[in-house]
Protein backbone atom coordinates (compact mmCIF):
# COMPACT_ATOMS: atom_id res chain seq x y z
CA UNK A 1 45.13 -37.41 -25.56
CA UNK A 2 42.46 -34.79 -24.75
CA UNK A 3 40.28 -34.09 -27.52
CA UNK A 4 42.05 -30.72 -29.07
CA UNK A 5 45.91 -32.48 -28.48
CA UNK A 6 47.97 -32.09 -31.61
CA UNK A 7 51.22 -33.62 -31.35
CA UNK A 8 54.35 -31.73 -33.23
CA UNK A 9 54.74 -33.22 -36.56
CA UNK A 10 58.23 -33.06 -37.97
CA UNK A 11 59.40 -33.59 -41.28
CA UNK A 12 60.73 -37.28 -42.58
CA UNK A 13 61.98 -38.67 -45.53
CA UNK A 14 60.67 -42.42 -45.59
CA UNK A 15 61.27 -44.93 -48.87
CA UNK A 16 58.21 -46.93 -49.36
CA UNK A 17 57.37 -49.69 -51.89
CA UNK A 18 55.38 -47.79 -55.17
CA UNK A 19 52.04 -49.64 -54.39
CA UNK A 20 52.13 -48.92 -50.72
CA UNK A 21 52.20 -45.20 -51.89
CA UNK A 22 49.81 -46.13 -54.77
CA UNK A 23 47.50 -47.17 -52.40
CA UNK A 24 47.74 -44.82 -49.93
CA UNK A 25 47.40 -41.88 -52.53
CA UNK A 26 44.36 -43.84 -53.97
CA UNK A 27 41.79 -42.22 -51.94
CA UNK A 28 42.73 -38.76 -52.90
CA UNK A 29 44.08 -35.89 -50.88
CA UNK A 30 45.40 -36.96 -47.32
CA UNK A 31 47.60 -39.61 -48.00
CA UNK A 32 50.05 -38.90 -45.80
CA UNK A 33 47.50 -37.67 -42.60
CA UNK A 34 46.34 -41.81 -43.96
CA UNK A 35 49.72 -42.94 -43.44
CA UNK A 36 50.44 -41.80 -40.19
CA UNK A 37 47.01 -42.86 -38.95
CA UNK A 38 47.92 -46.36 -39.72
CA UNK A 39 51.43 -46.04 -38.07
CA UNK A 40 49.87 -44.35 -35.33
CA UNK A 41 47.58 -47.36 -35.00
CA UNK A 42 49.96 -49.95 -35.21
CA UNK A 43 51.99 -47.90 -32.55
CA UNK A 44 49.40 -47.94 -30.45
CA UNK A 45 48.89 -51.75 -30.69
CA UNK A 46 52.37 -53.00 -30.46
CA UNK A 47 53.08 -50.26 -27.42
CA UNK A 48 49.50 -52.04 -25.52
CA UNK A 49 50.82 -55.61 -26.43
CA UNK A 50 54.45 -54.79 -24.98
CA UNK A 51 52.79 -53.34 -21.53
CA UNK A 52 50.29 -56.57 -21.04
CA UNK A 53 53.01 -58.87 -22.41
CA UNK A 54 55.22 -57.13 -19.53
CA UNK A 55 52.37 -57.66 -16.90
CA UNK A 56 51.90 -61.14 -17.99
CA UNK A 57 55.46 -62.08 -17.19
CA UNK A 58 55.15 -60.05 -13.89
CA UNK A 59 52.01 -62.29 -12.85
CA UNK A 60 53.25 -65.71 -13.96
CA UNK A 61 56.45 -67.35 -15.26
CA UNK A 62 56.82 -68.16 -18.95
CA UNK A 63 59.79 -70.77 -20.56
CA UNK A 64 60.70 -69.73 -23.92
CA UNK A 65 58.86 -68.92 -26.47
CA UNK A 66 56.06 -68.44 -24.49
CA UNK A 67 56.07 -72.12 -23.17
CA UNK A 68 55.07 -72.85 -19.93
CA UNK A 69 57.45 -76.53 -19.75
CA UNK A 70 61.36 -76.38 -18.95
CA UNK A 71 63.37 -76.32 -22.05
CA UNK A 72 62.58 -76.36 -25.60
């Protein structure tokens, strides 16, 4: 992503727990931006983790649930 990259925004309706909303709003304005940053961070983490897991599975065989031995 470049310095001036701004992804297109899309309005959505979400149902969140009231304590989560209170936490997001605790710092004042910008709670939607804060939520977006948290979700983007989580998305990036899981996408990266998934890519790494895919790379590992191509480089060495792993059995069920990450065990390298036979059936579990």
